[in-house]
Amino acid sequence: MATKIIVYTKNACPNCMHVKFGLEAAGVEYEARNIEEKEEYRKEFDTYGYSAAPVTVFPNGRVLAGFERKEFEDELGF
């Protein structure tokens, strides 16, 4: 199981940038995995069954697709 948040991203993806900015602003450690730059990351991303990035995977196993601020705040305990 992951020990930190993983964000599957793409190049020139506004919602991906929102997710990363929000996590950075909250001081939360995460790992960005660009699915356009590494085939291994694309294969991992595909296992979640989503067709669009971002997909954020939390250490507790919760998966959020896209960027919905309230969902992220709730998951992070804000």
PDB file of N, CA and C in Angstrom:
ATOM      1  N   MET A   1       0.841  -1.195   0.000  1.00  0.00           N
ATOM      2  CA  MET A   1       0.000   0.000   0.000  1.00  0.00           C
ATOM      3  C   MET A   1       0.878   1.247   0.000  1.00  0.00           C
ATOM      4  N   ALA A   2       0.433   2.267  -0.695  1.00  0.00           N
ATOM      5  CA  ALA A   2       1.188   3.513  -0.792  1.00  0.00           C
ATOM      6  C   ALA A   2       1.261   4.198   0.569  1.00  0.00           C
ATOM      7  N   THR A   3       2.373   4.876   0.809  1.00  0.00           N
ATOM      8  CA  THR A   3       2.523   5.597   2.068  1.00  0.00           C
ATOM      9  C   THR A   3       2.318   7.092   1.896  1.00  0.00           C
ATOM     10  N   LYS A   4       2.233   7.540   0.637  1.00  0.00           N
ATOM     11  CA  LYS A   4       1.916   8.949   0.390  1.00  0.00           C
ATOM     12  C   LYS A   4       0.943   9.041  -0.766  1.00  0.00           C
ATOM     13  N   ILE A   5       0.422  10.212  -0.952  1.00  0.00           N
ATOM     14  CA  ILE A   5      -0.554  10.453  -2.012  1.00  0.00           C
ATOM     15  C   ILE A   5       0.140  10.358  -3.369  1.00  0.00           C
ATOM     16  N   ILE A   6      -0.514   9.709  -4.316  1.00  0.00           N
ATOM     17  CA  ILE A   6      -0.005   9.619  -5.682  1.00  0.00           C
ATOM     18  C   ILE A   6      -1.006  10.333  -6.597  1.00  0.00           C
ATOM     19  N   VAL A   7      -0.494  11.237  -7.435  1.00  0.00           N
ATOM     20  CA  VAL A   7      -1.331  11.950  -8.381  1.00  0.00           C
ATOM     21  C   VAL A   7      -0.888  11.566  -9.790  1.00  0.00           C
ATOM     22  N   TYR A   8      -1.784  10.924 -10.530  1.00  0.00           N
ATOM     23  CA  TYR A   8      -1.516  10.607 -11.933  1.00  0.00           C
ATOM     24  C   TYR A   8      -1.904  11.826 -12.755  1.00  0.00           C
ATOM     25  N   THR A   9      -0.942  12.356 -13.509  1.00  0.00           N
ATOM     26  CA  THR A   9      -1.130  13.611 -14.226  1.00  0.00           C
ATOM     27  C   THR A   9      -0.818  13.452 -15.714  1.00  0.00           C
ATOM     28  N   LYS A  10      -1.117  14.530 -16.455  1.00  0.00           N
ATOM     29  CA  LYS A  10      -0.765  14.639 -17.874  1.00  0.00           C
ATOM     30  C   LYS A  10      -0.173  16.018 -18.095  1.00  0.00           C
ATOM     31  N   ASN A  11       0.484  16.183 -19.234  1.00  0.00           N
ATOM     32  CA  ASN A  11       1.003  17.497 -19.617  1.00  0.00           C
ATOM     33  C   ASN A  11      -0.167  18.425 -19.951  1.00  0.00           C
ATOM     34  N   ALA A  12      -0.006  19.700 -19.677  1.00  0.00           N
ATOM     35  CA  ALA A  12      -0.995  20.730 -20.029  1.00  0.00           C
ATOM     36  C   ALA A  12      -2.402  20.366 -19.555  1.00  0.00           C
ATOM     37  N   CYS A  13      -2.503  19.930 -18.316  1.00  0.00           N
ATOM     38  CA  CYS A  13      -3.776  19.499 -17.729  1.00  0.00           C
ATOM     39  C   CYS A  13      -4.144  20.464 -16.591  1.00  0.00           C
ATOM     40  N   PRO A  14      -5.120  21.353 -16.820  1.00  0.00           N
ATOM     41  CA  PRO A  14      -5.476  22.331 -15.784  1.00  0.00           C
ATOM     42  C   PRO A  14      -5.890  21.698 -14.459  1.00  0.00           C
ATOM     43  N   ASN A  15      -6.722  20.661 -14.497  1.00  0.00           N
ATOM     44  CA  ASN A  15      -7.137  20.039 -13.239  1.00  0.00           C
ATOM     45  C   ASN A  15      -5.974  19.373 -12.521  1.00  0.00           C
ATOM     46  N   CYS A  16      -5.025  18.837 -13.285  1.00  0.00           N
ATOM     47  CA  CYS A  16      -3.831  18.253 -12.669  1.00  0.00           C
ATOM     48  C   CYS A  16      -3.061  19.336 -11.903  1.00  0.00           C
ATOM     49  N   MET A  17      -2.948  20.498 -12.520  1.00  0.00           N
ATOM     50  CA  MET A  17      -2.249  21.609 -11.868  1.00  0.00           C
ATOM     51  C   MET A  17      -2.986  22.054 -10.606  1.00  0.00           C
ATOM     52  N   HIS A  18      -4.324  22.062 -10.640  1.00  0.00           N
ATOM     53  CA  HIS A  18      -5.101  22.435  -9.456  1.00  0.00           C
ATOM     54  C   HIS A  18      -4.847  21.463  -8.307  1.00  0.00           C
ATOM     55  N   VAL A  19      -4.844  20.168  -8.617  1.00  0.00           N
ATOM     56  CA  VAL A  19      -4.608  19.162  -7.580  1.00  0.00           C
ATOM     57  C   VAL A  19      -3.226  19.347  -6.955  1.00  0.00           C
ATOM     58  N   LYS A  20      -2.207  19.468  -7.793  1.00  0.00           N
ATOM     59  CA  LYS A  20      -0.841  19.607  -7.275  1.00  0.00           C
ATOM     60  C   LYS A  20      -0.679  20.903  -6.485  1.00  0.00           C
ATOM     61  N   PHE A  21      -1.243  21.994  -6.994  1.00  0.00           N
ATOM     62  CA  PHE A  21      -1.165  23.272  -6.284  1.00  0.00           C
ATOM     63  C   PHE A  21      -1.846  23.168  -4.919  1.00  0.00           C
ATOM     64  N   GLY A  22      -3.033  22.554  -4.888  1.00  0.00           N
ATOM     65  CA  GLY A  22      -3.769  22.425  -3.636  1.00  0.00           C
ATOM     66  C   GLY A  22      -3.024  21.589  -2.609  1.00  0.00           C
ATOM     67  N   LEU A  23      -2.435  20.489  -3.044  1.00  0.00           N
ATOM     68  CA  LEU A  23      -1.676  19.648  -2.114  1.00  0.00           C
ATOM     69  C   LEU A  23      -0.441  20.376  -1.605  1.00  0.00           C
ATOM     70  N   GLU A  24       0.236  21.097  -2.497  1.00  0.00           N
ATOM     71  CA  GLU A  24       1.408  21.874  -2.078  1.00  0.00           C
ATOM     72  C   GLU A  24       1.015  22.966  -1.097  1.00  0.00           C
ATOM     73  N   ALA A  25      -0.086  23.662  -1.373  1.00  0.00           N
ATOM     74  CA  ALA A  25      -0.547  24.736  -0.496  1.00  0.00           C
ATOM     75  C   ALA A  25      -0.917  24.203   0.884  1.00  0.00           C
ATOM     76  N   ALA A  26      -1.404  22.961   0.920  1.00  0.00           N
ATOM     77  CA  ALA A  26      -1.772  22.340   2.197  1.00  0.00           C
ATOM     78  C   ALA A  26      -0.566  21.721   2.896  1.00  0.00           C
ATOM     79  N   GLY A  27       0.600  21.749   2.245  1.00  0.00           N
ATOM     80  CA  GLY A  27       1.803  21.183   2.842  1.00  0.00           C
ATOM     81  C   GLY A  27       1.784  19.660   2.893  1.00  0.00           C
ATOM     82  N   VAL A  28       1.076  19.048   1.942  1.00  0.00           N
ATOM     83  CA  VAL A  28       0.921  17.597   1.919  1.00  0.00           C
ATOM     84  C   VAL A  28       1.933  16.994   0.943  1.00  0.00           C
ATOM     85  N   GLU A  29       2.636  15.965   1.402  1.00  0.00           N
ATOM     86  CA  GLU A  29       3.599  15.284   0.548  1.00  0.00           C
ATOM     87  C   GLU A  29       2.859  14.400  -0.448  1.00  0.00           C
ATOM     88  N   TYR A  30       3.296  14.455  -1.701  1.00  0.00           N
ATOM     89  CA  TYR A  30       2.677  13.622  -2.732  1.00  0.00           C
ATOM     90  C   TYR A  30       3.712  13.298  -3.793  1.00  0.00           C
ATOM     91  N   GLU A  31       3.378  12.335  -4.638  1.00  0.00           N
ATOM     92  CA  GLU A  31       4.222  11.985  -5.773  1.00  0.00           C
ATOM     93  C   GLU A  31       3.406  12.143  -7.041  1.00  0.00           C
ATOM     94  N   ALA A  32       3.895  12.952  -7.978  1.00  0.00           N
ATOM     95  CA  ALA A  32       3.228  13.128  -9.269  1.00  0.00           C
ATOM     96  C   ALA A  32       3.787  12.094 -10.243  1.00  0.00           C
ATOM     97  N   ARG A  33       2.882  11.399 -10.932  1.00  0.00           N
ATOM     98  CA  ARG A  33       3.281  10.401 -11.933  1.00  0.00           C
ATOM     99  C   ARG A  33       2.637  10.769 -13.263  1.00  0.00           C
ATOM    100  N   ASN A  34       3.450  11.273 -14.186  1.00  0.00           N
ATOM    101  CA  ASN A  34       2.954  11.730 -15.476  1.00  0.00           C
ATOM    102  C   ASN A  34       2.745  10.545 -16.406  1.00  0.00           C
ATOM    103  N   ILE A  35       1.491  10.312 -16.763  1.00  0.00           N
ATOM    104  CA  ILE A  35       1.140   9.137 -17.568  1.00  0.00           C
ATOM    105  C   ILE A  35       1.508   9.299 -19.046  1.00  0.00           C
ATOM    106  N   GLU A  36       1.891  10.516 -19.447  1.00  0.00           N
ATOM    107  CA  GLU A  36       2.316  10.738 -20.831  1.00  0.00           C
ATOM    108  C   GLU A  36       3.822  10.573 -20.992  1.00  0.00           C
ATOM    109  N   GLU A  37       4.526  10.537 -19.874  1.00  0.00           N
ATOM    110  CA  GLU A  37       5.984  10.483 -19.940  1.00  0.00           C
ATOM    111  C   GLU A  37       6.567   9.135 -19.558  1.00  0.00           C
ATOM    112  N   LYS A  38       5.778   8.281 -18.911  1.00  0.00           N
ATOM    113  CA  LYS A  38       6.311   6.994 -18.471  1.00  0.00           C
ATOM    114  C   LYS A  38       5.244   5.913 -18.633  1.00  0.00           C
ATOM    115  N   GLU A  39       5.541   4.926 -19.453  1.00  0.00           N
ATOM    116  CA  GLU A  39       4.589   3.854 -19.747  1.00  0.00           C
ATOM    117  C   GLU A  39       4.166   3.106 -18.480  1.00  0.00           C
ATOM    118  N   GLU A  40       5.101   2.915 -17.561  1.00  0.00           N
ATOM    119  CA  GLU A  40       4.790   2.234 -16.300  1.00  0.00           C
ATOM    120  C   GLU A  40       3.666   2.967 -15.554  1.00  0.00           C
ATOM    121  N   TYR A  41       3.741   4.291 -15.528  1.00  0.00           N
ATOM    122  CA  TYR A  41       2.707   5.085 -14.849  1.00  0.00           C
ATOM    123  C   TYR A  41       1.381   4.985 -15.585  1.00  0.00           C
ATOM    124  N   ARG A  42       1.425   4.941 -16.922  1.00  0.00           N
ATOM    125  CA  ARG A  42       0.183   4.808 -17.708  1.00  0.00           C
ATOM    126  C   ARG A  42      -0.505   3.483 -17.384  1.00  0.00           C
ATOM    127  N   LYS A  43       0.271   2.428 -17.265  1.00  0.00           N
ATOM    128  CA  LYS A  43      -0.300   1.115 -16.937  1.00  0.00           C
ATOM    129  C   LYS A  43      -0.933   1.127 -15.545  1.00  0.00           C
ATOM    130  N   GLU A  44      -0.254   1.753 -14.576  1.00  0.00           N
ATOM    131  CA  GLU A  44      -0.823   1.875 -13.224  1.00  0.00           C
ATOM    132  C   GLU A  44      -2.129   2.654 -13.280  1.00  0.00           C
ATOM    133  N   PHE A  45      -2.111   3.790 -13.969  1.00  0.00           N
ATOM    134  CA  PHE A  45      -3.292   4.650 -14.121  1.00  0.00           C
ATOM    135  C   PHE A  45      -4.458   3.861 -14.697  1.00  0.00           C
ATOM    136  N   ASP A  46      -4.179   3.071 -15.726  1.00  0.00           N
ATOM    137  CA  ASP A  46      -5.232   2.297 -16.393  1.00  0.00           C
ATOM    138  C   ASP A  46      -5.917   1.304 -15.453  1.00  0.00           C
ATOM    139  N   THR A  47      -5.219   0.820 -14.441  1.00  0.00           N
ATOM    140  CA  THR A  47      -5.824  -0.152 -13.515  1.00  0.00           C
ATOM    141  C   THR A  47      -6.956   0.459 -12.698  1.00  0.00           C
ATOM    142  N   TYR A  48      -7.001   1.785 -12.608  1.00  0.00           N
ATOM    143  CA  TYR A  48      -8.062   2.447 -11.826  1.00  0.00           C
ATOM    144  C   TYR A  48      -9.348   2.623 -12.624  1.00  0.00           C
ATOM    145  N   GLY A  49      -9.290   2.421 -13.940  1.00  0.00           N
ATOM    146  CA  GLY A  49     -10.498   2.440 -14.756  1.00  0.00           C
ATOM    147  C   GLY A  49     -10.990   3.809 -15.193  1.00  0.00           C
ATOM    148  N   TYR A  50     -10.178   4.836 -15.030  1.00  0.00           N
ATOM    149  CA  TYR A  50     -10.579   6.179 -15.454  1.00  0.00           C
ATOM    150  C   TYR A  50      -9.974   6.494 -16.811  1.00  0.00           C
ATOM    151  N   SER A  51     -10.632   7.379 -17.550  1.00  0.00           N
ATOM    152  CA  SER A  51     -10.131   7.722 -18.877  1.00  0.00           C
ATOM    153  C   SER A  51      -9.413   9.068 -18.905  1.00  0.00           C
ATOM    154  N   ALA A  52      -9.545   9.857 -17.851  1.00  0.00           N
ATOM    155  CA  ALA A  52      -8.940  11.193 -17.842  1.00  0.00           C
ATOM    156  C   ALA A  52      -8.203  11.446 -16.531  1.00  0.00           C
ATOM    157  N   ALA A  53      -7.128  12.187 -16.636  1.00  0.00           N
ATOM    158  CA  ALA A  53      -6.368  12.611 -15.460  1.00  0.00           C
ATOM    159  C   ALA A  53      -6.936  13.952 -14.997  1.00  0.00           C
ATOM    160  N   PRO A  54      -6.721  14.322 -13.742  1.00  0.00           N
ATOM    161  CA  PRO A  54      -5.922  13.620 -12.748  1.00  0.00           C
ATOM    162  C   PRO A  54      -6.720  12.542 -12.009  1.00  0.00           C
ATOM    163  N   VAL A  55      -5.977  11.579 -11.528  1.00  0.00           N
ATOM    164  CA  VAL A  55      -6.524  10.591 -10.600  1.00  0.00           C
ATOM    165  C   VAL A  55      -5.596  10.608  -9.400  1.00  0.00           C
ATOM    166  N   THR A  56      -6.168  10.841  -8.230  1.00  0.00           N
ATOM    167  CA  THR A  56      -5.396  10.941  -6.999  1.00  0.00           C
ATOM    168  C   THR A  56      -5.697   9.737  -6.124  1.00  0.00           C
ATOM    169  N   VAL A  57      -4.639   9.062  -5.685  1.00  0.00           N
ATOM    170  CA  VAL A  57      -4.769   7.867  -4.853  1.00  0.00           C
ATOM    171  C   VAL A  57      -4.199   8.196  -3.475  1.00  0.00           C
ATOM    172  N   PHE A  58      -5.041   8.059  -2.461  1.00  0.00           N
ATOM    173  CA  PHE A  58      -4.634   8.346  -1.088  1.00  0.00           C
ATOM    174  C   PHE A  58      -4.115   7.082  -0.415  1.00  0.00           C
ATOM    175  N   PRO A  59      -3.263   7.230   0.611  1.00  0.00           N
ATOM    176  CA  PRO A  59      -2.701   6.057   1.286  1.00  0.00           C
ATOM    177  C   PRO A  59      -3.759   5.099   1.846  1.00  0.00           C
ATOM    178  N   ASN A  60      -4.939   5.613   2.167  1.00  0.00           N
ATOM    179  CA  ASN A  60      -5.997   4.752   2.712  1.00  0.00           C
ATOM    180  C   ASN A  60      -6.740   3.977   1.622  1.00  0.00           C
ATOM    181  N   GLY A  61      -6.332   4.188   0.354  1.00  0.00           N
ATOM    182  CA  GLY A  61      -6.953   3.470  -0.747  1.00  0.00           C
ATOM    183  C   GLY A  61      -8.034   4.254  -1.474  1.00  0.00           C
ATOM    184  N   ARG A  62      -8.450   5.394  -0.926  1.00  0.00           N
ATOM    185  CA  ARG A  62      -9.474   6.216  -1.583  1.00  0.00           C
ATOM    186  C   ARG A  62      -8.910   6.802  -2.869  1.00  0.00           C
ATOM    187  N   VAL A  63      -9.725   6.824  -3.907  1.00  0.00           N
ATOM    188  CA  VAL A  63      -9.316   7.343  -5.208  1.00  0.00           C
ATOM    189  C   VAL A  63     -10.272   8.462  -5.607  1.00  0.00           C
ATOM    190  N   LEU A  64      -9.709   9.607  -5.971  1.00  0.00           N
ATOM    191  CA  LEU A  64     -10.514  10.733  -6.460  1.00  0.00           C
ATOM    192  C   LEU A  64     -10.105  11.035  -7.894  1.00  0.00           C
ATOM    193  N   ALA A  65     -11.097  11.127  -8.766  1.00  0.00           N
ATOM    194  CA  ALA A  65     -10.842  11.477 -10.168  1.00  0.00           C
ATOM    195  C   ALA A  65     -11.193  12.939 -10.373  1.00  0.00           C
ATOM    196  N   GLY A  66     -10.383  13.614 -11.181  1.00  0.00           N
ATOM    197  CA  GLY A  66     -10.629  15.026 -11.437  1.00  0.00           C
ATOM    198  C   GLY A  66     -10.237  15.872 -10.247  1.00  0.00           C
ATOM    199  N   PHE A  67     -10.801  17.065 -10.172  1.00  0.00           N
ATOM    200  CA  PHE A  67     -10.521  17.943  -9.035  1.00  0.00           C
ATOM    201  C   PHE A  67     -11.812  18.567  -8.550  1.00  0.00           C
ATOM    202  N   GLU A  68     -12.224  18.141  -7.396  1.00  0.00           N
ATOM    203  CA  GLU A  68     -13.375  18.717  -6.699  1.00  0.00           C
ATOM    204  C   GLU A  68     -12.855  19.150  -5.338  1.00  0.00           C
ATOM    205  N   ARG A  69     -12.706  20.461  -5.153  1.00  0.00           N
ATOM    206  CA  ARG A  69     -12.048  20.988  -3.960  1.00  0.00           C
ATOM    207  C   ARG A  69     -12.614  20.429  -2.659  1.00  0.00           C
ATOM    208  N   LYS A  70     -13.929  20.377  -2.529  1.00  0.00           N
ATOM    209  CA  LYS A  70     -14.555  19.896  -1.295  1.00  0.00           C
ATOM    210  C   LYS A  70     -14.152  18.452  -0.991  1.00  0.00           C
ATOM    211  N   GLU A  71     -14.126  17.597  -2.009  1.00  0.00           N
ATOM    212  CA  GLU A  71     -13.715  16.201  -1.802  1.00  0.00           C
ATOM    213  C   GLU A  71     -12.291  16.133  -1.268  1.00  0.00           C
ATOM    214  N   PHE A  72     -11.398  16.953  -1.826  1.00  0.00           N
ATOM    215  CA  PHE A  72     -10.013  16.950  -1.359  1.00  0.00           C
ATOM    216  C   PHE A  72      -9.909  17.479   0.061  1.00  0.00           C
ATOM    217  N   GLU A  73     -10.629  18.548   0.362  1.00  0.00           N
ATOM    218  CA  GLU A  73     -10.603  19.090   1.723  1.00  0.00           C
ATOM    219  C   GLU A  73     -11.099  18.056   2.716  1.00  0.00           C
ATOM    220  N   ASP A  74     -12.173  17.361   2.369  1.00  0.00           N
ATOM    221  CA  ASP A  74     -12.708  16.333   3.261  1.00  0.00           C
ATOM    222  C   ASP A  74     -11.701  15.215   3.470  1.00  0.00           C
ATOM    223  N   GLU A  75     -11.103  14.761   2.395  1.00  0.00           N
ATOM    224  CA  GLU A  75     -10.135  13.654   2.484  1.00  0.00           C
ATOM    225  C   GLU A  75      -8.904  14.041   3.293  1.00  0.00           C
ATOM    226  N   LEU A  76      -8.489  15.299   3.177  1.00  0.00           N
ATOM    227  CA  LEU A  76      -7.309  15.764   3.891  1.00  0.00           C
ATOM    228  C   LEU A  76      -7.627  16.248   5.313  1.00  0.00           C
ATOM    229  N   GLY A  77      -8.911  16.257   5.666  1.00  0.00           N
ATOM    230  CA  GLY A  77      -9.292  16.637   7.020  1.00  0.00           C
ATOM    231  C   GLY A  77      -9.338  18.122   7.272  1.00  0.00           C
ATOM    232  N   PHE A  78      -9.626  18.920   6.239  1.00  0.00           N
ATOM    233  CA  PHE A  78      -9.724  20.380   6.416  1.00  0.00           C
ATOM    234  C   PHE A  78     -11.170  20.802   6.591  1.00  0.00           C
TER     235      PHE A  78
END
